[in-house]
Amino acid sequence: MRYSLLDLSPVPEGSTAADALRNTGALARHAEDWGYHRYWMAEHHNMPGIASAATAVLIGHVAGLTRHMRVGAGGIMLPNHAPLAVAEAFGTLATLYPDRIDLGLGRAPGGDHAVMRALGVQHARAERFHEEVAELRDLMGPPDENRAVRALPGEGTEVPIWILGSSLHGAQVAAMLGLPYAFASHFAPAMLGQALEVYRRYFKPSATLKRPHAMVAVNVFAAETEAEARRLRTTMQQAFYRLRTGAPGKLPAPVDDLSTVVPAGAMPALDEALRISAVGDAAQVETQMREIIATYAPDEVILTGQIHDHGARLRSFEIAADVMQRIQRAEAA
């Protein structure tokens, strides 16, 4: 059971994007020491609380700061980019850091309609997602001198492609193309079980992958005590509520009483959206992780968690790594 880390490079209230990027570098170095297999970052636009908009640039930065951990995108929103541009960017990364780069692809815009207009994105491109994924895979596949347009660098790098999703569409594309699949259960878990079932049932073996390989995203808020972990979690709860109500901002500080900042009527939807979470001290997080793994049988898990204080964030991911190592040892026994 490999465990990985998804970092949105959060910008807490009272800090800057420069602080966030420094924190990402520090977290990545620690994550490698703690045994995390992959370190993924995600493309989001026009969000004051997220500093990972230029995802490929940040991947190169993190790969340069680490030694052997895989680094990649979880993910690149393909409708925002020409497949050739993505192939060249990730082909360059793979040339600089051989056998370390992952490319997760999503079909959402990573922003609102204003962002889509600014990026020149056409709605119809999302409907061609599976075609553009296949084109991108070809561009990074074996060299073909007869191809009218070649990704240079890019061709021959065979950068591993993952399909990301929070609905059945991504599961179907991943199954059809024989690619690994990562589900965004950390914020949209409603169709998690159904999507994994569809992916596994209809998976077609490919040159890339002989059998299905699914990764589940889990929010983790770990601390020395349950009370402190639950307090840390209020940061993400506030941030998600603000995003859902059209008021995104920098990552808010935790509060002692969530009801003072989030209306009671909003809590059921919030709890449902963030239900794939492990919260508490090390023993509680281990119990909850084991339950998630037993329920969904993922091949990998990727851990995330929006935490305001950098030191608390580091400690949470350190505790989570210890938990996952115990789970690994139990599986191997």
C-alpha atoms as a PDB file:
ATOM      1  CA  MET A   1       0.000   0.000   0.000  1.00  0.00           C
ATOM      2  CA  ARG A   2       1.981   2.962  -1.269  1.00  0.00           C
ATOM      3  CA  TYR A   3       1.132   6.334   0.206  1.00  0.00           C
ATOM      4  CA  SER A   4       1.626   9.664  -1.522  1.00  0.00           C
ATOM      5  CA  LEU A   5       0.996  13.345  -0.834  1.00  0.00           C
ATOM      6  CA  LEU A   6      -1.120  15.937  -2.652  1.00  0.00           C
ATOM      7  CA  ASP A   7       0.001  19.510  -1.973  1.00  0.00           C
ATOM      8  CA  LEU A   8      -1.973  22.515  -3.257  1.00  0.00           C
ATOM      9  CA  SER A   9       0.759  24.850  -1.974  1.00  0.00           C
ATOM     10  CA  PRO A  10      -1.721  26.677   0.280  1.00  0.00           C
ATOM     11  CA  VAL A  11      -1.364  30.364   1.061  1.00  0.00           C
ATOM     12  CA  PRO A  12      -2.521  30.909   4.674  1.00  0.00           C
ATOM     13  CA  GLU A  13      -3.980  34.183   5.859  1.00  0.00           C
ATOM     14  CA  GLY A  14      -1.146  36.465   6.939  1.00  0.00           C
ATOM     15  CA  SER A  15       1.333  35.001   4.444  1.00  0.00           C
ATOM     16  CA  THR A  16       2.252  35.310   0.767  1.00  0.00           C
ATOM     17  CA  ALA A  17       2.620  33.059  -2.249  1.00  0.00           C
ATOM     18  CA  ALA A  18       6.381  33.218  -1.732  1.00  0.00           C
ATOM     19  CA  ASP A  19       5.889  31.784   1.766  1.00  0.00           C
ATOM     20  CA  ALA A  20       3.651  29.049   0.343  1.00  0.00           C
ATOM     21  CA  LEU A  21       6.205  28.013  -2.250  1.00  0.00           C
ATOM     22  CA  ARG A  22       8.968  27.881   0.363  1.00  0.00           C
ATOM     23  CA  ASN A  23       6.713  25.748   2.543  1.00  0.00           C
ATOM     24  CA  THR A  24       6.047  23.399  -0.378  1.00  0.00           C
ATOM     25  CA  GLY A  25       9.768  22.910  -0.856  1.00  0.00           C
ATOM     26  CA  ALA A  26      10.253  22.172   2.838  1.00  0.00           C
ATOM     27  CA  LEU A  27       7.307  19.771   2.958  1.00  0.00           C
ATOM     28  CA  ALA A  28       8.543  17.922  -0.129  1.00  0.00           C
ATOM     29  CA  ARG A  29      11.977  17.332   1.368  1.00  0.00           C
ATOM     30  CA  HIS A  30      10.423  16.015   4.572  1.00  0.00           C
ATOM     31  CA  ALA A  31       7.896  13.887   2.657  1.00  0.00           C
ATOM     32  CA  GLU A  32      10.706  12.101   0.852  1.00  0.00           C
ATOM     33  CA  ASP A  33      12.370  11.304   4.169  1.00  0.00           C
ATOM     34  CA  TRP A  34       9.039  10.080   5.563  1.00  0.00           C
ATOM     35  CA  GLY A  35       8.585   7.562   2.752  1.00  0.00           C
ATOM     36  CA  TYR A  36       5.952   9.225   0.588  1.00  0.00           C
ATOM     37  CA  HIS A  37       6.047   7.612  -2.855  1.00  0.00           C
ATOM     38  CA  ARG A  38       4.661  10.487  -4.945  1.00  0.00           C
ATOM     39  CA  TYR A  39       4.389  14.209  -4.390  1.00  0.00           C
ATOM     40  CA  TRP A  40       1.649  15.677  -6.544  1.00  0.00           C
ATOM     41  CA  MET A  41       0.508  19.254  -7.120  1.00  0.00           C
ATOM     42  CA  ALA A  42      -2.675  20.483  -8.763  1.00  0.00           C
ATOM     43  CA  GLU A  43      -3.618  23.175 -11.263  1.00  0.00           C
ATOM     44  CA  HIS A  44      -6.001  25.801  -9.876  1.00  0.00           C
ATOM     45  CA  HIS A  45      -6.468  29.352 -11.150  1.00  0.00           C
ATOM     46  CA  ASN A  46      -7.600  32.659  -9.716  1.00  0.00           C
ATOM     47  CA  MET A  47      -7.552  31.368  -6.135  1.00  0.00           C
ATOM     48  CA  PRO A  48      -5.758  33.528  -3.550  1.00  0.00           C
ATOM     49  CA  GLY A  49      -5.270  30.542  -1.254  1.00  0.00           C
ATOM     50  CA  ILE A  50      -3.514  28.257  -3.745  1.00  0.00           C
ATOM     51  CA  ALA A  51      -0.049  28.905  -5.229  1.00  0.00           C
ATOM     52  CA  SER A  52       0.224  25.924  -7.599  1.00  0.00           C
ATOM     53  CA  ALA A  53      -1.303  27.505 -10.727  1.00  0.00           C
ATOM     54  CA  ALA A  54       1.881  27.068 -12.782  1.00  0.00           C
ATOM     55  CA  THR A  55       1.956  23.397 -11.903  1.00  0.00           C
ATOM     56  CA  ALA A  56       4.687  22.202 -14.258  1.00  0.00           C
ATOM     57  CA  VAL A  57       7.031  24.947 -13.036  1.00  0.00           C
ATOM     58  CA  LEU A  58       6.451  23.932  -9.423  1.00  0.00           C
ATOM     59  CA  ILE A  59       6.962  20.251 -10.254  1.00  0.00           C
ATOM     60  CA  GLY A  60      10.393  21.082 -11.642  1.00  0.00           C
ATOM     61  CA  HIS A  61      11.211  23.038  -8.492  1.00  0.00           C
ATOM     62  CA  VAL A  62      10.190  20.173  -6.182  1.00  0.00           C
ATOM     63  CA  ALA A  63      11.942  17.544  -8.293  1.00  0.00           C
ATOM     64  CA  GLY A  64      15.123  19.602  -8.043  1.00  0.00           C
ATOM     65  CA  LEU A  65      14.860  19.732  -4.251  1.00  0.00           C
ATOM     66  CA  THR A  66      14.350  15.977  -3.845  1.00  0.00           C
ATOM     67  CA  ARG A  67      16.315  12.899  -4.839  1.00  0.00           C
ATOM     68  CA  HIS A  68      14.188   9.868  -5.651  1.00  0.00           C
ATOM     69  CA  MET A  69      10.518  10.549  -4.777  1.00  0.00           C
ATOM     70  CA  ARG A  70       8.205  10.685  -7.786  1.00  0.00           C
ATOM     71  CA  VAL A  71       6.869  14.180  -8.473  1.00  0.00           C
ATOM     72  CA  GLY A  72       3.904  15.034 -10.629  1.00  0.00           C
ATOM     73  CA  ALA A  73       0.595  16.650 -11.377  1.00  0.00           C
ATOM     74  CA  GLY A  74      -2.615  15.703  -9.673  1.00  0.00           C
ATOM     75  CA  GLY A  75      -3.416  17.199 -11.988  1.00  0.00           C
ATOM     76  CA  ILE A  76      -3.079  19.186 -15.166  1.00  0.00           C
ATOM     77  CA  MET A  77      -6.471  20.302 -16.489  1.00  0.00           C
ATOM     78  CA  LEU A  78      -6.065  19.169 -20.075  1.00  0.00           C
ATOM     79  CA  PRO A  79      -8.778  21.345 -21.683  1.00  0.00           C
ATOM     80  CA  ASN A  80      -6.704  24.376 -20.626  1.00  0.00           C
ATOM     81  CA  HIS A  81      -3.683  23.299 -22.673  1.00  0.00           C
ATOM     82  CA  ALA A  82      -2.795  21.987 -26.110  1.00  0.00           C
ATOM     83  CA  PRO A  83      -1.656  18.352 -25.805  1.00  0.00           C
ATOM     84  CA  LEU A  84       1.579  19.288 -27.592  1.00  0.00           C
ATOM     85  CA  ALA A  85       2.403  21.938 -24.984  1.00  0.00           C
ATOM     86  CA  VAL A  86       1.779  19.457 -22.162  1.00  0.00           C
ATOM     87  CA  ALA A  87       3.895  16.806 -23.888  1.00  0.00           C
ATOM     88  CA  GLU A  88       6.768  19.273 -24.297  1.00  0.00           C
ATOM     89  CA  ALA A  89       6.556  20.515 -20.699  1.00  0.00           C
ATOM     90  CA  PHE A  90       6.384  17.072 -19.115  1.00  0.00           C
ATOM     91  CA  GLY A  91       8.804  15.631 -21.648  1.00  0.00           C
ATOM     92  CA  THR A  92      11.274  18.284 -20.556  1.00  0.00           C
ATOM     93  CA  LEU A  93      10.659  17.453 -16.888  1.00  0.00           C
ATOM     94  CA  ALA A  94      11.117  13.745 -17.591  1.00  0.00           C
ATOM     95  CA  THR A  95      14.350  14.463 -19.460  1.00  0.00           C
ATOM     96  CA  LEU A  96      15.674  16.465 -16.504  1.00  0.00           C
ATOM     97  CA  TYR A  97      14.420  13.960 -13.902  1.00  0.00           C
ATOM     98  CA  PRO A  98      14.236  10.515 -15.565  1.00  0.00           C
ATOM     99  CA  ASP A  99      11.759   7.967 -14.176  1.00  0.00           C
ATOM    100  CA  ARG A 100      10.453  10.407 -11.555  1.00  0.00           C
ATOM    101  CA  ILE A 101       7.681  12.418 -13.258  1.00  0.00           C
ATOM    102  CA  ASP A 102       3.945  11.609 -13.222  1.00  0.00           C
ATOM    103  CA  LEU A 103       1.235  13.293 -15.269  1.00  0.00           C
ATOM    104  CA  GLY A 104      -2.288  13.208 -13.878  1.00  0.00           C
ATOM    105  CA  LEU A 105      -4.930  14.649 -16.200  1.00  0.00           C
ATOM    106  CA  GLY A 106      -8.352  16.108 -15.446  1.00  0.00           C
ATOM    107  CA  ARG A 107     -11.079  17.511 -17.654  1.00  0.00           C
ATOM    108  CA  ALA A 108     -12.317  20.320 -15.360  1.00  0.00           C
ATOM    109  CA  PRO A 109     -11.112  23.898 -16.024  1.00  0.00           C
ATOM    110  CA  GLY A 110      -9.538  24.437 -12.608  1.00  0.00           C
ATOM    111  CA  GLY A 111     -11.404  27.715 -12.269  1.00  0.00           C
ATOM    112  CA  ASP A 112     -14.638  29.548 -13.058  1.00  0.00           C
ATOM    113  CA  HIS A 113     -16.020  30.866 -16.362  1.00  0.00           C
ATOM    114  CA  ALA A 114     -13.894  33.994 -16.123  1.00  0.00           C
ATOM    115  CA  VAL A 115     -10.804  31.792 -15.881  1.00  0.00           C
ATOM    116  CA  MET A 116     -11.950  29.761 -18.860  1.00  0.00           C
ATOM    117  CA  ARG A 117     -12.351  32.934 -20.926  1.00  0.00           C
ATOM    118  CA  ALA A 118      -8.943  34.190 -19.843  1.00  0.00           C
ATOM    119  CA  LEU A 119      -7.356  30.887 -20.856  1.00  0.00           C
ATOM    120  CA  GLY A 120      -9.282  30.710 -24.114  1.00  0.00           C
ATOM    121  CA  VAL A 121     -10.851  27.391 -23.134  1.00  0.00           C
ATOM    122  CA  GLN A 122     -13.743  26.052 -25.193  1.00  0.00           C
ATOM    123  CA  HIS A 123     -16.408  23.946 -23.461  1.00  0.00           C
ATOM    124  CA  ALA A 124     -16.359  21.447 -26.321  1.00  0.00           C
ATOM    125  CA  ARG A 125     -12.795  20.412 -25.541  1.00  0.00           C
ATOM    126  CA  ALA A 126     -13.892  18.667 -22.366  1.00  0.00           C
ATOM    127  CA  GLU A 127     -16.025  16.378 -24.538  1.00  0.00           C
ATOM    128  CA  ARG A 128     -12.902  15.393 -26.494  1.00  0.00           C
ATOM    129  CA  PHE A 129     -10.977  14.600 -23.328  1.00  0.00           C
ATOM    130  CA  HIS A 130     -10.397  10.926 -24.143  1.00  0.00           C
ATOM    131  CA  GLU A 131      -9.164  11.812 -27.637  1.00  0.00           C
ATOM    132  CA  GLU A 132      -6.740  14.414 -26.322  1.00  0.00           C
ATOM    133  CA  VAL A 133      -5.432  11.996 -23.682  1.00  0.00           C
ATOM    134  CA  ALA A 134      -4.722   9.457 -26.437  1.00  0.00           C
ATOM    135  CA  GLU A 135      -3.028  12.155 -28.521  1.00  0.00           C
ATOM    136  CA  LEU A 136      -0.874  13.191 -25.579  1.00  0.00           C
ATOM    137  CA  ARG A 137       0.131   9.598 -24.894  1.00  0.00           C
ATOM    138  CA  ASP A 138       1.163   9.214 -28.542  1.00  0.00           C
ATOM    139  CA  LEU A 139       3.201  12.428 -28.424  1.00  0.00           C
ATOM    140  CA  MET A 140       5.219  11.059 -25.484  1.00  0.00           C
ATOM    141  CA  GLY A 141       5.364   7.560 -26.937  1.00  0.00           C
ATOM    142  CA  PRO A 142       7.943   5.991 -29.259  1.00  0.00           C
ATOM    143  CA  PRO A 143       9.612   8.447 -31.678  1.00  0.00           C
ATOM    144  CA  ASP A 144       7.965   8.736 -35.078  1.00  0.00           C
ATOM    145  CA  GLU A 145       9.914  10.741 -37.645  1.00  0.00           C
ATOM    146  CA  ASN A 146       6.917  10.719 -39.984  1.00  0.00           C
ATOM    147  CA  ARG A 147       4.716  12.560 -37.503  1.00  0.00           C
ATOM    148  CA  ALA A 148       3.917  16.049 -38.788  1.00  0.00           C
ATOM    149  CA  VAL A 149       4.292  17.553 -35.307  1.00  0.00           C
ATOM    150  CA  ARG A 150       6.573  15.991 -32.713  1.00  0.00           C
ATOM    151  CA  ALA A 151       7.080  16.776 -29.035  1.00  0.00           C
ATOM    152  CA  LEU A 152      10.770  17.604 -28.729  1.00  0.00           C
ATOM    153  CA  PRO A 153      11.628  16.970 -25.976  1.00  0.00           C
ATOM    154  CA  GLY A 154       8.781  14.678 -25.112  1.00  0.00           C
ATOM    155  CA  GLU A 155       8.646  11.775 -27.519  1.00  0.00           C
ATOM    156  CA  GLY A 156      10.151   8.617 -26.133  1.00  0.00           C
ATOM    157  CA  THR A 157       9.844   9.760 -22.518  1.00  0.00           C
ATOM    158  CA  GLU A 158       6.754   7.614 -21.861  1.00  0.00           C
ATOM    159  CA  VAL A 159       5.727   9.814 -18.916  1.00  0.00           C
ATOM    160  CA  PRO A 160       3.183   7.803 -16.885  1.00  0.00           C
ATOM    161  CA  ILE A 161      -0.303   9.221 -17.411  1.00  0.00           C
ATOM    162  CA  TRP A 162      -3.028   9.001 -14.768  1.00  0.00           C
ATOM    163  CA  ILE A 163      -6.669   9.884 -15.258  1.00  0.00           C
ATOM    164  CA  LEU A 164      -8.190  11.948 -12.469  1.00  0.00           C
ATOM    165  CA  GLY A 165     -11.858  12.221 -11.738  1.00  0.00           C
ATOM    166  CA  SER A 166     -14.722  12.765  -9.345  1.00  0.00           C
ATOM    167  CA  SER A 167     -17.426  11.166 -11.500  1.00  0.00           C
ATOM    168  CA  LEU A 168     -17.963   8.191 -13.771  1.00  0.00           C
ATOM    169  CA  HIS A 169     -16.523   9.907 -16.848  1.00  0.00           C
ATOM    170  CA  GLY A 170     -12.911   9.749 -15.706  1.00  0.00           C
ATOM    171  CA  ALA A 171     -13.373   6.141 -14.600  1.00  0.00           C
ATOM    172  CA  GLN A 172     -14.655   5.227 -18.052  1.00  0.00           C
ATOM    173  CA  VAL A 173     -11.776   6.999 -19.827  1.00  0.00           C
ATOM    174  CA  ALA A 174      -9.162   5.373 -17.579  1.00  0.00           C
ATOM    175  CA  ALA A 175     -10.738   1.947 -18.104  1.00  0.00           C
ATOM    176  CA  MET A 176     -11.024   2.380 -21.872  1.00  0.00           C
ATOM    177  CA  LEU A 177      -7.406   3.516 -22.282  1.00  0.00           C
ATOM    178  CA  GLY A 178      -5.940   1.087 -19.740  1.00  0.00           C
ATOM    179  CA  LEU A 179      -4.507   3.814 -17.502  1.00  0.00           C
ATOM    180  CA  PRO A 180      -4.235   4.223 -13.721  1.00  0.00           C
ATOM    181  CA  TYR A 181      -7.047   6.156 -12.074  1.00  0.00           C
ATOM    182  CA  ALA A 182      -7.077   8.586  -9.149  1.00  0.00           C
ATOM    183  CA  PHE A 183     -10.366   9.645  -7.564  1.00  0.00           C
ATOM    184  CA  ALA A 184     -10.794  13.085  -5.961  1.00  0.00           C
ATOM    185  CA  SER A 185     -12.516  11.689  -2.895  1.00  0.00           C
ATOM    186  CA  HIS A 186     -10.958  14.336  -0.647  1.00  0.00           C
ATOM    187  CA  PHE A 187     -13.608  16.844  -1.766  1.00  0.00           C
ATOM    188  CA  ALA A 188     -16.132  14.986  -3.962  1.00  0.00           C
ATOM    189  CA  PRO A 189     -16.672  11.476  -2.597  1.00  0.00           C
ATOM    190  CA  ALA A 190     -20.287  10.946  -3.673  1.00  0.00           C
ATOM    191  CA  MET A 191     -19.490   8.610  -6.575  1.00  0.00           C
ATOM    192  CA  LEU A 192     -16.307   7.063  -5.203  1.00  0.00           C
ATOM    193  CA  GLY A 193     -17.569   3.509  -4.819  1.00  0.00           C
ATOM    194  CA  GLN A 194     -19.462   3.508  -8.112  1.00  0.00           C
ATOM    195  CA  ALA A 195     -16.546   5.011 -10.043  1.00  0.00           C
ATOM    196  CA  LEU A 196     -14.093   2.424  -8.722  1.00  0.00           C
ATOM    197  CA  GLU A 197     -16.540  -0.341  -9.643  1.00  0.00           C
ATOM    198  CA  VAL A 198     -16.917   0.996 -13.195  1.00  0.00           C
ATOM    199  CA  TYR A 199     -13.164   1.414 -13.591  1.00  0.00           C
ATOM    200  CA  ARG A 200     -12.388  -2.103 -12.406  1.00  0.00           C
ATOM    201  CA  ARG A 201     -15.232  -3.761 -14.307  1.00  0.00           C
ATOM    202  CA  TYR A 202     -14.511  -2.208 -17.699  1.00  0.00           C
ATOM    203  CA  PHE A 203     -10.728  -1.912 -17.514  1.00  0.00           C
ATOM    204  CA  LYS A 204      -8.951  -2.933 -20.728  1.00  0.00           C
ATOM    205  CA  PRO A 205      -5.322  -4.010 -20.313  1.00  0.00           C
ATOM    206  CA  SER A 206      -2.859  -1.877 -22.245  1.00  0.00           C
ATOM    207  CA  ALA A 207       0.855  -1.633 -22.900  1.00  0.00           C
ATOM    208  CA  THR A 208       0.879   0.763 -19.951  1.00  0.00           C
ATOM    209  CA  LEU A 209      -1.027  -1.310 -17.413  1.00  0.00           C
ATOM    210  CA  LYS A 210      -2.052  -4.969 -17.289  1.00  0.00           C
ATOM    211  CA  ARG A 211      -4.610  -4.658 -14.475  1.00  0.00           C
ATOM    212  CA  PRO A 212      -6.560  -1.806 -12.856  1.00  0.00           C
ATOM    213  CA  HIS A 213      -4.665   0.489 -10.512  1.00  0.00           C
ATOM    214  CA  ALA A 214      -6.744   2.905  -8.452  1.00  0.00           C
ATOM    215  CA  MET A 215      -5.699   5.615  -6.036  1.00  0.00           C
ATOM    216  CA  VAL A 216      -8.010   7.209  -3.458  1.00  0.00           C
ATOM    217  CA  ALA A 217      -7.454  10.690  -1.989  1.00  0.00           C
ATOM    218  CA  VAL A 218      -7.884  11.098   1.770  1.00  0.00           C
ATOM    219  CA  ASN A 219      -7.810  14.231   3.928  1.00  0.00           C
ATOM    220  CA  VAL A 220      -5.635  13.760   6.985  1.00  0.00           C
ATOM    221  CA  PHE A 221      -5.595  15.970  10.066  1.00  0.00           C
ATOM    222  CA  ALA A 222      -3.328  14.350  12.621  1.00  0.00           C
ATOM    223  CA  ALA A 223      -1.980  15.770  15.854  1.00  0.00           C
ATOM    224  CA  GLU A 224      -0.935  14.697  19.342  1.00  0.00           C
ATOM    225  CA  THR A 225      -4.545  14.897  20.548  1.00  0.00           C
ATOM    226  CA  GLU A 226      -7.949  14.479  18.946  1.00  0.00           C
ATOM    227  CA  ALA A 227      -8.979  17.957  20.060  1.00  0.00           C
ATOM    228  CA  GLU A 228      -6.031  19.584  18.313  1.00  0.00           C
ATOM    229  CA  ALA A 229      -6.584  17.546  15.140  1.00  0.00           C
ATOM    230  CA  ARG A 230     -10.236  18.570  14.995  1.00  0.00           C
ATOM    231  CA  ARG A 231      -9.237  22.189  15.511  1.00  0.00           C
ATOM    232  CA  LEU A 232      -6.746  21.950  12.637  1.00  0.00           C
ATOM    233  CA  ARG A 233      -9.506  20.558  10.425  1.00  0.00           C
ATOM    234  CA  THR A 234     -11.635  23.686  10.879  1.00  0.00           C
ATOM    235  CA  THR A 235      -9.290  25.484   8.490  1.00  0.00           C
ATOM    236  CA  MET A 236     -10.251  23.244   5.575  1.00  0.00           C
ATOM    237  CA  GLN A 237     -13.905  23.259   6.575  1.00  0.00           C
ATOM    238  CA  GLN A 238     -13.947  27.054   6.516  1.00  0.00           C
ATOM    239  CA  ALA A 239     -12.063  27.210   3.228  1.00  0.00           C
ATOM    240  CA  PHE A 240     -14.414  24.745   1.565  1.00  0.00           C
ATOM    241  CA  TYR A 241     -17.486  26.584   2.818  1.00  0.00           C
ATOM    242  CA  ARG A 242     -16.123  29.887   1.507  1.00  0.00           C
ATOM    243  CA  LEU A 243     -15.366  28.319  -1.873  1.00  0.00           C
ATOM    244  CA  ARG A 244     -18.864  26.839  -2.121  1.00  0.00           C
ATOM    245  CA  THR A 245     -20.428  30.201  -1.293  1.00  0.00           C
ATOM    246  CA  GLY A 246     -18.373  32.092  -3.885  1.00  0.00           C
ATOM    247  CA  ALA A 247     -15.965  33.756  -1.460  1.00  0.00           C
ATOM    248  CA  PRO A 248     -12.608  31.990  -1.822  1.00  0.00           C
ATOM    249  CA  GLY A 249      -9.645  33.564  -0.124  1.00  0.00           C
ATOM    250  CA  LYS A 250      -6.436  32.710   1.632  1.00  0.00           C
ATOM    251  CA  LEU A 251      -6.441  29.703   3.931  1.00  0.00           C
ATOM    252  CA  PRO A 252      -8.190  30.743   7.176  1.00  0.00           C
ATOM    253  CA  ALA A 253      -6.797  30.188  10.649  1.00  0.00           C
ATOM    254  CA  PRO A 254      -8.419  27.413  12.713  1.00  0.00           C
ATOM    255  CA  VAL A 255     -11.157  28.238  15.182  1.00  0.00           C
ATOM    256  CA  ASP A 256     -12.260  26.688  18.449  1.00  0.00           C
ATOM    257  CA  ASP A 257     -15.932  26.749  17.488  1.00  0.00           C
ATOM    258  CA  LEU A 258     -16.736  26.142  13.822  1.00  0.00           C
ATOM    259  CA  SER A 259     -20.366  27.183  14.323  1.00  0.00           C
ATOM    260  CA  THR A 260     -19.218  30.777  14.766  1.00  0.00           C
ATOM    261  CA  VAL A 261     -18.069  30.940  11.130  1.00  0.00           C
ATOM    262  CA  VAL A 262     -20.061  28.238   9.309  1.00  0.00           C
ATOM    263  CA  PRO A 263     -23.876  28.172   9.565  1.00  0.00           C
ATOM    264  CA  ALA A 264     -25.400  24.999  10.969  1.00  0.00           C
ATOM    265  CA  GLY A 265     -27.436  24.551   7.793  1.00  0.00           C
ATOM    266  CA  ALA A 266     -24.258  24.270   5.730  1.00  0.00           C
ATOM    267  CA  MET A 267     -22.708  21.538   7.841  1.00  0.00           C
ATOM    268  CA  PRO A 268     -24.430  18.437   6.375  1.00  0.00           C
ATOM    269  CA  ALA A 269     -23.205  19.207   2.842  1.00  0.00           C
ATOM    270  CA  LEU A 270     -19.791  20.137   4.179  1.00  0.00           C
ATOM    271  CA  ASP A 271     -19.508  16.925   6.175  1.00  0.00           C
ATOM    272  CA  GLU A 272     -20.516  14.867   3.147  1.00  0.00           C
ATOM    273  CA  ALA A 273     -17.993  16.575   0.852  1.00  0.00           C
ATOM    274  CA  LEU A 274     -15.131  16.033   3.303  1.00  0.00           C
ATOM    275  CA  ARG A 275     -16.170  12.647   4.701  1.00  0.00           C
ATOM    276  CA  ILE A 276     -13.181  10.755   3.266  1.00  0.00           C
ATOM    277  CA  SER A 277     -10.955  12.009   6.046  1.00  0.00           C
ATOM    278  CA  ALA A 278      -8.889  10.674   8.923  1.00  0.00           C
ATOM    279  CA  VAL A 279      -8.878  12.981  11.930  1.00  0.00           C
ATOM    280  CA  GLY A 280      -7.359  12.558  15.377  1.00  0.00           C
ATOM    281  CA  ASP A 281      -4.275  11.272  17.112  1.00  0.00           C
ATOM    282  CA  ALA A 282      -2.089   8.570  15.570  1.00  0.00           C
ATOM    283  CA  ALA A 283      -4.213   5.666  16.798  1.00  0.00           C
ATOM    284  CA  GLN A 284      -7.450   7.244  15.594  1.00  0.00           C
ATOM    285  CA  VAL A 285      -5.972   8.120  12.197  1.00  0.00           C
ATOM    286  CA  GLU A 286      -4.749   4.543  11.817  1.00  0.00           C
ATOM    287  CA  THR A 287      -8.184   3.128  12.603  1.00  0.00           C
ATOM    288  CA  GLN A 288      -9.870   5.466  10.129  1.00  0.00           C
ATOM    289  CA  MET A 289      -7.297   4.809   7.392  1.00  0.00           C
ATOM    290  CA  ARG A 290      -7.752   1.068   7.822  1.00  0.00           C
ATOM    291  CA  GLU A 291     -11.520   1.501   7.484  1.00  0.00           C
ATOM    292  CA  ILE A 292     -11.156   3.527   4.284  1.00  0.00           C
ATOM    293  CA  ILE A 293      -8.732   1.009   2.817  1.00  0.00           C
ATOM    294  CA  ALA A 294     -10.960  -1.924   3.774  1.00  0.00           C
ATOM    295  CA  THR A 295     -14.033  -0.256   2.262  1.00  0.00           C
ATOM    296  CA  TYR A 296     -12.591   0.838  -1.083  1.00  0.00           C
ATOM    297  CA  ALA A 297      -9.559  -1.477  -1.552  1.00  0.00           C
ATOM    298  CA  PRO A 298      -7.373   1.134  -3.271  1.00  0.00           C
ATOM    299  CA  ASP A 299      -4.015   0.168  -4.740  1.00  0.00           C
ATOM    300  CA  GLU A 300      -2.589   3.418  -3.376  1.00  0.00           C
ATOM    301  CA  VAL A 301      -3.721   6.287  -1.198  1.00  0.00           C
ATOM    302  CA  ILE A 302      -2.779   9.920  -1.629  1.00  0.00           C
ATOM    303  CA  LEU A 303      -3.009  12.068   1.485  1.00  0.00           C
ATOM    304  CA  THR A 304      -3.784  15.754   1.633  1.00  0.00           C
ATOM    305  CA  GLY A 305      -5.018  18.312   4.137  1.00  0.00           C
ATOM    306  CA  GLN A 306      -5.296  22.084   4.176  1.00  0.00           C
ATOM    307  CA  ILE A 307      -3.682  23.175   7.459  1.00  0.00           C
ATOM    308  CA  HIS A 308      -2.989  26.812   8.309  1.00  0.00           C
ATOM    309  CA  ASP A 309       0.169  26.477  10.394  1.00  0.00           C
ATOM    310  CA  HIS A 310       3.179  25.122   8.519  1.00  0.00           C
ATOM    311  CA  GLY A 311       4.616  23.344  11.553  1.00  0.00           C
ATOM    312  CA  ALA A 312       1.303  21.648  12.312  1.00  0.00           C
ATOM    313  CA  ARG A 313       1.008  20.669   8.666  1.00  0.00           C
ATOM    314  CA  LEU A 314       4.428  19.028   8.724  1.00  0.00           C
ATOM    315  CA  ARG A 315       3.585  17.165  11.904  1.00  0.00           C
ATOM    316  CA  SER A 316       0.263  15.934  10.507  1.00  0.00           C
ATOM    317  CA  PHE A 317       1.915  14.428   7.433  1.00  0.00           C
ATOM    318  CA  GLU A 318       4.677  12.946   9.598  1.00  0.00           C
ATOM    319  CA  ILE A 319       2.131  11.194  11.832  1.00  0.00           C
ATOM    320  CA  ALA A 320       0.254  10.017   8.730  1.00  0.00           C
ATOM    321  CA  ALA A 321       3.459   8.536   7.296  1.00  0.00           C
ATOM    322  CA  ASP A 322       4.091   6.634  10.532  1.00  0.00           C
ATOM    323  CA  VAL A 323       0.533   5.316  10.368  1.00  0.00           C
ATOM    324  CA  MET A 324       0.911   4.177   6.770  1.00  0.00           C
ATOM    325  CA  GLN A 325       4.192   2.458   7.560  1.00  0.00           C
ATOM    326  CA  ARG A 326       2.461   0.491  10.307  1.00  0.00           C
ATOM    327  CA  ILE A 327      -0.250  -0.490   7.852  1.00  0.00           C
ATOM    328  CA  GLN A 328       2.410  -1.534   5.334  1.00  0.00           C
ATOM    329  CA  ARG A 329       4.172  -3.709   7.923  1.00  0.00           C
ATOM    330  CA  ALA A 330       0.891  -5.344   8.917  1.00  0.00           C
ATOM    331  CA  GLU A 331       0.090  -6.138   5.275  1.00  0.00           C
ATOM    332  CA  ALA A 332       3.537  -7.622   4.748  1.00  0.00           C
ATOM    333  CA  ALA A 333       3.332  -9.840   7.839  1.00  0.00           C
END
